[in-house]
Protein backbone atom coordinates (compact mmCIF):
# COMPACT_ATOMS: atom_id res chain seq x y z
CA MET A 1 -5.26 -28.45 25.77
CA THR A 2 -1.17 -27.44 26.91
CA GLN A 3 0.06 -24.06 26.08
CA LEU A 4 1.80 -25.40 23.30
CA ASP A 5 -1.15 -26.94 21.83
CA VAL A 6 -3.08 -23.43 22.11
CA ARG A 7 -0.05 -21.17 20.65
CA THR A 8 0.21 -23.52 17.42
CA ARG A 9 -3.54 -23.82 16.84
CA ARG A 10 -4.46 -23.06 13.05
CA VAL A 11 -6.14 -19.32 13.84
CA HIS A 12 -3.78 -17.54 16.37
CA TRP A 13 -5.91 -15.96 19.13
CA ALA A 14 -4.92 -12.54 18.30
CA TRP A 15 -6.71 -12.44 14.80
CA TRP A 16 -10.01 -13.15 16.46
CA VAL A 17 -9.29 -10.23 18.59
CA ALA A 18 -8.20 -8.22 15.73
CA GLY A 19 -11.24 -9.45 14.01
CA VAL A 20 -13.80 -8.84 16.85
CA SER A 21 -12.25 -4.86 17.32
CA PHE A 22 -12.38 -3.82 13.60
CA LEU A 23 -15.60 -5.02 13.94
CA ALA A 24 -16.54 -2.85 16.68
CA LEU A 25 -14.39 -0.15 15.31
CA LEU A 26 -16.64 -0.49 12.24
CA GLY A 27 -19.65 0.01 14.15
CA ALA A 28 -18.34 2.99 16.20
CA ALA A 29 -17.38 4.96 12.79
CA GLY A 30 -21.01 4.87 11.77
CA PHE A 31 -22.26 5.64 15.12
CA ARG A 32 -20.51 8.55 15.66
CA ALA A 33 -20.95 9.96 12.21
CA ALA A 34 -24.65 8.81 11.40
CA PRO A 35 -25.85 12.30 13.42
CA GLY A 36 -24.39 14.47 10.31
CA VAL A 37 -27.56 12.72 8.33
CA LEU A 38 -30.21 13.33 10.70
CA ILE A 39 -29.60 17.37 10.60
CA ASP A 40 -32.29 18.15 8.34
CA PRO A 41 -35.28 15.23 9.56
CA LEU A 42 -34.54 16.58 12.92
CA HIS A 43 -35.06 20.34 11.86
CA GLN A 44 -38.10 19.77 9.54
CA GLU A 45 -39.82 17.72 12.61
CA PHE A 46 -38.48 20.16 16.00
CA GLY A 47 -37.85 23.02 14.16
CA TRP A 48 -34.67 23.38 15.48
CA SER A 49 -32.03 25.78 14.05
CA ARG A 50 -29.27 23.74 12.19
CA GLY A 51 -26.72 25.30 14.76
CA THR A 52 -28.41 23.87 17.66
CA ILE A 53 -28.43 20.25 16.22
CA SER A 54 -24.71 20.87 15.36
CA SER A 55 -23.90 21.51 18.72
CA ALA A 56 -24.74 18.02 19.56
CA VAL A 57 -22.18 16.73 16.89
CA SER A 58 -19.76 19.21 17.83
CA VAL A 59 -20.04 17.50 21.85
CA ASN A 60 -19.94 14.10 20.01
CA LEU A 61 -16.73 14.98 18.03
CA VAL A 62 -14.90 16.98 21.12
CA LEU A 63 -15.93 13.98 23.65
CA TYR A 64 -14.53 11.49 20.92
CA GLY A 65 -11.40 13.07 21.55
CA LEU A 66 -10.88 13.84 24.96
CA ILE A 67 -12.27 10.43 26.27
CA ALA A 68 -9.76 8.51 24.56
CA PRO A 69 -6.94 8.87 27.17
CA PHE A 70 -9.31 8.22 30.22
CA ALA A 71 -10.94 5.26 28.27
CA ALA A 72 -6.93 3.48 27.26
CA ALA A 73 -6.25 3.90 31.28
CA LEU A 74 -9.57 2.19 32.35
CA MET A 75 -8.99 -0.49 29.42
CA GLU A 76 -5.76 -1.46 32.19
CA ARG A 77 -8.15 -1.26 34.93
CA LEU A 78 -10.93 -3.16 34.26
CA GLY A 79 -9.81 -4.46 30.76
CA MET A 80 -10.93 -4.03 27.20
CA ARG A 81 -13.74 -6.68 27.11
CA LYS A 82 -15.83 -4.72 29.45
CA VAL A 83 -15.12 -1.19 28.81
CA VAL A 84 -15.81 -1.84 24.78
CA ALA A 85 -19.10 -3.98 25.70
CA SER A 86 -20.05 -1.28 28.41
CA ALA A 87 -19.26 1.17 25.77
CA LEU A 88 -21.52 -0.30 23.05
CA VAL A 89 -24.12 -0.37 25.58
CA LEU A 90 -23.68 3.44 25.99
CA VAL A 91 -24.20 4.03 22.41
CA ALA A 92 -27.38 1.96 22.01
CA ALA A 93 -28.86 3.78 25.22
CA GLY A 94 -27.87 7.28 23.66
CA SER A 95 -29.56 6.36 19.99
CA GLY A 96 -32.48 4.62 21.01
CA LEU A 97 -33.32 7.29 23.44
CA THR A 98 -33.39 10.07 20.98
CA VAL A 99 -36.48 8.36 19.53
CA PHE A 100 -38.38 9.84 22.71
CA MET A 101 -37.04 13.10 22.73
CA THR A 102 -38.98 16.40 22.79
CA THR A 103 -36.36 19.37 23.85
CA SER A 104 -32.75 20.10 22.14
CA TRP A 105 -31.01 19.45 25.22
CA GLN A 106 -31.94 15.57 25.47
CA LEU A 107 -30.61 15.78 21.80
CA ILE A 108 -26.92 17.00 23.24
CA LEU A 109 -27.44 14.34 26.11
CA PHE A 110 -27.79 11.37 23.82
CA TRP A 111 -26.20 12.17 20.64
CA GLY A 112 -23.89 14.40 21.86
CA VAL A 113 -22.66 12.90 25.24
CA PHE A 114 -23.93 9.27 25.54
CA VAL A 115 -22.84 8.35 21.90
CA GLY A 116 -19.75 10.66 22.04
CA VAL A 117 -18.37 9.01 25.32
CA GLY A 118 -19.17 5.50 23.77
CA THR A 119 -17.41 6.12 20.81
CA GLY A 120 -14.85 7.91 22.19
CA SER A 121 -13.92 4.59 23.99
CA MET A 122 -13.59 2.57 21.04
CA SER A 123 -11.29 4.98 19.43
CA LEU A 124 -7.66 4.80 18.49
CA ALA A 125 -6.89 4.32 21.89
CA PHE A 126 -8.29 1.27 21.93
CA VAL A 127 -6.17 0.01 18.74
CA ALA A 128 -3.17 1.10 20.42
CA THR A 129 -3.98 -0.83 24.01
CA MET A 130 -4.99 -4.09 21.55
CA THR A 131 -2.08 -4.12 18.93
CA SER A 132 0.23 -3.28 21.99
CA ARG A 133 -0.79 -6.59 24.27
CA TRP A 134 -1.66 -9.06 21.22
CA PHE A 135 0.65 -8.36 18.61
CA VAL A 136 4.44 -8.10 17.91
CA LYS A 137 4.51 -9.48 14.65
CA HIS A 138 2.49 -7.55 12.01
CA ARG A 139 1.41 -4.79 14.97
CA GLY A 140 1.78 -1.72 12.35
CA LEU A 141 -0.58 -3.16 9.76
CA VAL A 142 -2.85 -4.51 12.35
CA SER A 143 -2.71 -0.77 13.06
CA GLY A 144 -3.27 0.23 9.96
CA VAL A 145 -6.27 -2.15 8.93
CA LEU A 146 -8.30 -1.04 12.39
CA THR A 147 -7.40 2.58 11.70
CA ALA A 148 -8.99 2.13 8.31
CA ALA A 149 -12.55 0.67 10.04
CA GLY A 150 -12.83 4.17 10.71
CA ALA A 151 -13.26 5.36 6.99
CA THR A 152 -14.76 1.86 6.20
CA GLY A 153 -17.81 2.49 8.73
CA GLN A 154 -18.87 5.68 7.83
CA LEU A 155 -19.01 4.70 4.01
CA ILE A 156 -20.91 1.82 5.15
CA PHE A 157 -23.48 3.01 7.62
CA LEU A 158 -24.02 6.66 6.48
CA PRO A 159 -25.77 5.86 2.78
CA LEU A 160 -27.69 3.32 4.43
CA VAL A 161 -28.43 5.73 7.69
CA ALA A 162 -29.39 8.51 4.88
CA SER A 163 -31.66 6.42 3.23
CA MET A 164 -33.71 5.19 5.97
CA ALA A 165 -34.34 8.24 7.42
CA THR A 166 -35.56 9.59 3.94
CA ASP A 167 -37.61 6.60 3.56
CA ILE A 168 -39.06 5.15 7.18
CA GLY A 169 -38.10 7.70 8.95
CA TRP A 170 -35.13 9.39 11.45
CA ARG A 171 -36.03 7.33 14.35
CA SER A 172 -36.05 3.98 12.82
CA ALA A 173 -32.76 4.58 11.38
CA SER A 174 -31.90 5.60 15.46
CA LEU A 175 -33.42 2.53 16.39
CA VAL A 176 -31.35 0.36 13.91
CA ILE A 177 -28.21 1.69 15.33
CA ALA A 178 -29.00 1.29 18.90
CA GLY A 179 -30.17 -2.53 17.68
CA VAL A 180 -26.84 -3.11 15.97
CA ALA A 181 -24.56 -1.78 18.73
CA LEU A 182 -26.54 -4.18 21.06
CA LEU A 183 -25.94 -7.06 18.89
CA VAL A 184 -22.04 -6.14 18.55
CA VAL A 185 -21.93 -6.89 22.37
CA PRO A 186 -21.74 -10.71 22.90
CA VAL A 187 -19.36 -11.13 20.05
CA VAL A 188 -17.33 -8.71 22.19
CA TRP A 189 -17.89 -10.50 24.94
CA ILE A 190 -16.95 -13.82 23.34
CA PHE A 191 -13.89 -13.21 21.17
CA LEU A 192 -12.33 -9.68 22.51
CA ARG A 193 -9.52 -11.11 25.31
CA ASP A 194 -7.88 -8.68 27.55
CA HIS A 195 -4.43 -10.24 27.52
CA PRO A 196 -2.74 -13.40 25.83
CA SER A 197 -2.16 -14.87 28.94
CA HIS A 198 -5.75 -15.04 29.68
CA VAL A 199 -5.95 -18.07 26.90
CA GLY A 200 -2.84 -19.40 27.66
CA THR A 201 -1.09 -17.71 24.45
CA THR A 202 1.69 -15.45 24.15
CA ALA A 203 1.36 -12.30 21.95
CA LEU A 204 1.27 -12.87 17.90
CA GLY A 205 5.31 -12.94 17.00
CA ALA A 206 6.33 -13.00 20.76
CA HIS A 207 9.21 -15.24 21.51
CA THR A 208 8.22 -15.28 25.47
CA ALA A 209 4.85 -14.92 27.63
CA GLU A 210 4.34 -11.26 29.05
CA PRO A 211 2.03 -11.52 32.16
CA PRO A 212 -0.78 -9.11 32.29
CA PRO A 213 -0.38 -5.50 33.46
CA ALA A 214 -1.45 -5.07 37.03
CA PRO A 215 -5.07 -3.44 37.52
CA ASN A 216 -4.35 0.26 38.01
CA LYS A 217 -6.96 1.75 40.72
CA GLY A 218 -8.39 5.34 39.59
CA ALA A 219 -8.47 5.60 36.01
CA ALA A 220 -9.05 9.26 35.60
CA ARG A 221 -5.87 9.99 37.84
CA ARG A 222 -3.78 7.07 36.04
CA ALA A 223 -4.65 9.34 32.70
CA LEU A 224 -3.64 12.96 34.35
CA GLN A 225 -0.38 11.04 35.78
CA VAL A 226 0.81 9.89 32.32
CA LEU A 227 -0.36 13.45 31.01
CA ALA A 228 1.70 14.97 33.32
CA LYS A 229 4.55 12.84 33.01
CA SER A 230 4.74 12.52 29.28
CA MET A 231 4.29 16.46 28.82
CA ARG A 232 8.07 16.68 30.28
CA SER A 233 8.96 14.96 27.04
CA GLY A 234 10.32 17.28 24.01
CA THR A 235 8.54 14.13 22.02
CA PHE A 236 5.63 13.95 23.15
CA TRP A 237 5.19 17.82 22.34
CA LEU A 238 6.23 17.09 18.90
CA LEU A 239 4.23 13.94 18.09
CA ALA A 240 1.20 15.89 20.00
CA GLY A 241 1.81 19.25 17.39
CA GLY A 242 2.03 17.29 14.28
CA PHE A 243 -1.22 15.26 14.98
CA ALA A 244 -2.99 18.41 16.01
CA ILE A 245 -2.19 19.59 12.30
CA CYS A 246 -3.22 16.17 11.11
CA GLY A 247 -6.67 16.79 12.22
CA ALA A 248 -6.51 20.13 11.55
CA SER A 249 -5.40 19.25 7.73
CA THR A 250 -7.92 16.43 7.68
CA ASN A 251 -11.17 16.98 9.47
CA GLY A 252 -11.23 20.16 9.99
CA LEU A 253 -10.32 21.96 6.78
CA VAL A 254 -11.10 19.20 3.94
CA GLY A 255 -14.01 17.32 5.34
CA THR A 256 -15.53 20.22 6.67
CA HIS A 257 -14.81 22.94 4.23
CA PHE A 258 -14.17 21.06 0.91
CA VAL A 259 -17.47 20.95 -0.45
CA PRO A 260 -18.32 24.11 -0.11
CA ALA A 261 -14.68 25.42 -1.27
CA ALA A 262 -15.56 23.13 -4.58
CA HIS A 263 -19.12 25.21 -4.86
CA ASP A 264 -17.88 28.43 -4.83
CA HIS A 265 -15.91 27.50 -8.01
CA GLY A 266 -18.73 26.08 -9.79
CA ILE A 267 -18.36 22.45 -9.07
CA PRO A 268 -22.00 21.34 -8.20
CA MET A 269 -22.41 20.66 -4.61
CA THR A 270 -23.14 16.29 -5.25
CA THR A 271 -20.27 16.39 -7.09
CA ALA A 272 -17.94 18.12 -4.30
CA ALA A 273 -19.90 15.33 -1.69
CA GLY A 274 -18.89 12.81 -4.61
CA LEU A 275 -15.26 13.47 -4.46
CA LEU A 276 -14.73 13.74 -0.28
CA ALA A 277 -16.38 10.09 -0.33
CA LEU A 278 -13.50 8.96 -2.71
CA VAL A 279 -10.98 10.33 -0.44
CA GLY A 280 -12.73 7.91 1.89
CA ILE A 281 -12.30 4.75 -0.48
CA PHE A 282 -8.96 5.35 -0.78
CA ASP A 283 -8.08 6.31 2.57
CA VAL A 284 -8.64 2.64 3.20
CA ALA A 285 -6.07 1.24 1.12
CA GLY A 286 -3.31 3.78 1.76
CA THR A 287 -3.77 3.29 5.86
CA ILE A 288 -3.11 -0.53 5.52
CA PHE A 289 -0.31 0.34 3.52
CA SER A 290 0.88 2.98 5.77
CA GLY A 291 0.81 0.19 8.54
CA TRP A 292 2.58 -2.35 6.31
CA LEU A 293 5.12 0.27 5.72
CA THR A 294 5.40 0.95 9.44
CA ASP A 295 6.50 -2.36 10.22
CA ARG A 296 9.61 -1.91 7.64
CA ILE A 297 10.27 1.62 7.65
CA ASP A 298 11.41 4.11 10.98
CA PRO A 299 8.25 5.86 11.54
CA ARG A 300 9.92 8.97 12.06
CA TRP A 301 10.55 9.16 8.19
CA LEU A 302 7.44 8.06 7.31
CA LEU A 303 5.42 10.81 8.99
CA GLY A 304 7.74 13.54 7.60
CA ALA A 305 6.78 12.16 3.95
CA TYR A 306 3.20 11.88 4.53
CA TYR A 307 3.15 15.82 6.12
CA ALA A 308 5.35 16.81 3.24
CA LEU A 309 3.47 15.64 0.40
CA ARG A 310 0.63 16.53 2.43
CA GLY A 311 1.22 20.17 2.69
CA GLY A 312 2.72 20.50 -1.06
CA SER A 313 -0.71 18.81 -2.38
CA LEU A 314 -2.32 21.62 0.12
CA MET A 315 -0.66 24.68 -1.60
CA LEU A 316 -1.46 23.26 -4.81
CA LEU A 317 -5.39 22.70 -4.29
CA PRO A 318 -6.19 26.23 -4.91
CA GLY A 319 -5.19 25.96 -8.45
CA LEU A 320 -7.06 23.04 -9.01
CA PHE A 321 -10.53 24.32 -8.53
CA ALA A 322 -12.50 24.57 -11.54
CA PRO A 323 -16.40 24.14 -12.52
CA THR A 324 -15.34 20.65 -14.13
CA VAL A 325 -13.48 18.21 -12.33
CA GLU A 326 -10.30 17.95 -14.78
CA PRO A 327 -7.28 15.07 -14.28
CA PRO A 328 -5.60 17.44 -11.68
CA MET A 329 -7.96 17.73 -9.17
CA TRP A 330 -8.71 13.45 -10.04
CA ALA A 331 -4.96 13.05 -8.85
CA PHE A 332 -5.62 14.80 -5.86
CA ILE A 333 -8.33 13.29 -4.66
CA VAL A 334 -6.83 10.11 -4.87
CA PHE A 335 -3.28 11.20 -3.21
CA TYR A 336 -5.06 13.07 -0.41
CA GLY A 337 -7.27 9.75 0.32
CA LEU A 338 -4.51 7.56 0.40
CA ASP A 339 -2.54 10.44 2.61
CA TRP A 340 -5.85 10.71 4.85
CA VAL A 341 -5.02 9.05 8.29
CA ALA A 342 -1.76 7.07 7.05
CA THR A 343 -0.17 9.20 9.57
CA VAL A 344 -1.79 6.80 12.34
CA PRO A 345 0.36 3.63 12.52
CA PRO A 346 3.80 5.59 12.45
CA THR A 347 2.23 7.88 15.26
CA LEU A 348 1.32 4.76 17.08
CA ALA A 349 4.42 2.81 16.81
CA LEU A 350 6.42 5.93 17.75
CA CYS A 351 4.59 6.21 21.22
CA ARG A 352 4.80 2.99 21.87
CA ASP A 353 8.59 2.71 21.02
CA LYS A 354 8.79 6.17 23.43
CA PHE A 355 6.96 5.71 26.51
CA GLY A 356 6.62 1.91 26.46
CA MET A 357 3.66 0.38 28.31
CA THR A 358 2.03 3.87 29.01
CA GLY A 359 1.91 4.18 25.02
CA PRO A 360 -1.79 3.34 24.25
CA ILE A 361 -2.45 6.52 27.02
CA VAL A 362 -0.05 8.74 25.54
CA PHE A 363 -1.33 7.85 22.23
CA GLY A 364 -4.95 9.05 23.56
CA TRP A 365 -3.79 12.74 24.30
CA VAL A 366 -1.88 12.50 21.11
CA PHE A 367 -5.19 11.69 19.40
CA ALA A 368 -6.98 14.39 21.35
CA SER A 369 -4.68 17.03 20.13
CA HIS A 370 -5.77 15.70 16.79
CA GLN A 371 -9.52 16.15 17.25
CA LEU A 372 -8.81 19.81 19.19
CA GLY A 373 -6.47 20.91 15.90
CA ALA A 374 -9.48 19.74 13.58
CA ALA A 375 -11.88 21.89 15.66
CA PHE A 376 -9.93 25.04 15.36
CA ALA A 377 -9.31 24.45 11.76
CA ALA A 378 -12.78 23.93 10.87
CA THR A 379 -13.66 27.46 12.88
CA ALA A 380 -10.55 29.24 11.47
CA ALA A 381 -11.18 28.47 7.89
CA GLY A 382 -14.91 29.06 8.08
CA ALA A 383 -13.96 32.67 9.44
CA THR A 384 -11.54 33.27 6.83
CA ARG A 385 -14.01 32.30 4.38
CA ASP A 386 -16.79 35.09 5.68
CA HIS A 387 -13.40 37.81 5.97
CA THR A 388 -11.68 37.04 2.20
CA GLY A 389 -14.60 35.56 0.19
CA THR A 390 -12.23 32.40 -0.28
CA TYR A 391 -10.50 29.65 1.06
CA ASP A 392 -7.15 30.41 -0.59
CA THR A 393 -5.40 31.52 2.72
CA ALA A 394 -6.98 28.60 4.71
CA TRP A 395 -5.25 26.15 1.87
CA TYR A 396 -1.91 27.98 2.08
CA ALA A 397 -1.74 28.25 5.85
CA ALA A 398 -2.80 24.49 6.18
CA GLY A 399 -0.06 23.84 3.55
CA LEU A 400 2.70 25.53 5.41
CA LEU A 401 1.99 24.07 8.55
CA CYS A 402 2.30 20.30 7.07
CA LEU A 403 5.40 21.23 6.37
CA ALA A 404 6.07 22.10 9.86
CA ALA A 405 4.68 18.71 11.05
CA ALA A 406 7.01 17.24 8.65
CA LEU A 407 9.88 19.21 10.19
CA MET A 408 8.53 18.16 13.84
CA SER A 409 8.37 14.43 12.96
CA LEU A 410 11.81 14.67 11.32
CA LEU A 411 13.37 15.86 14.79
CA ILE A 412 12.03 13.24 17.00
CA ARG A 413 14.99 11.50 18.46
CA LYS A 414 15.64 8.06 17.16
CA THR A 415 14.62 5.15 19.97
CA ARG A 416 17.54 3.64 21.84
CA THR A 417 15.78 0.55 22.67
CA PRO A 418 16.23 -1.73 18.79
CA ARG A 419 12.65 -2.22 17.27
CA VAL A 420 11.11 -5.52 16.56
CA GLU A 421 12.23 -6.82 13.33
CA VAL A 422 9.24 -9.22 11.44
CA ALA A 423 10.13 -11.43 9.05
């Protein structure tokens, strides 16, 4: 088959790569979030405190963010296929070995370290790497779809894992997760290719073929070198600062404290949890639409709008809590869901535009700042509630921080190199 024949196949190879990437990311989201629904079963069987069990989840979250830039560098060295397949095996090992654990440190090792490193290797830095290599046309849209896989994975897996943990035991749930992770490995190995040139084609929408990047020795050194160089750029600090606020105002604050805050105002816990689940549903549509917009609108302006609107909604939130869920609260849930991770596609685009071939690794560090911001907000909001008896200060502070993030986004200088136009 000639190169022209391959290019004109009905389904471009890029779509196969995107499909298997979606599958891996879908599973990674469910694997990473599963420990949250196993807290009570583990507490009942082993008598471990919820704080001890939650520490494994915390280790998982931190590693999920911090491993991303190193995984992106490792993908440059070994290729995406080897890294993602190995990550799935590590997740399967971490989940499967929990059925044999007898002490809490084993939980931290298996669920915290193994699953944290495995899922972190399939995080948004993987999205940045894959879309940079395989897509020119529709790059923003595909970034949005793959980002939405994170929310979709939680929606699909968490009810299933919770149901299995209740009906047939948490060990069976852990083994199912391990089995699913292993089943995805051969699919990844067959369809996830590292570069278009490896199958005799070009990136979707590219007019000329590009050679695959030369392997870089020393993935850890490479990631740290990119960090050191990018830190000299004001753009990096503006992106990292804005994304830290993004994490603080989503996972850290709303994701962690919305349910107890609503309960403080008389909303039943089950109702509040249902509202938060709706945020995840609308997040899928919002992120995909944001990806579509990123292909057509300056990503700086998109980020500025997203953060500004998010900040305004957070400052209105304290007045929306009531014992019954009124239309204004429904409006907040719909809007916040649409805006939840809509910031990811334009942030990815700016990392690619500003930092070129190192963009995926730079985004990995920017994403690490997102997770650190989330961790800080989760702790700070809880301390605020303990000292003041209300979350109001936390909502207002997060709103003001989002307005600051909007300003930071608009201060990013416009890229001199013209952006690729799409049909």
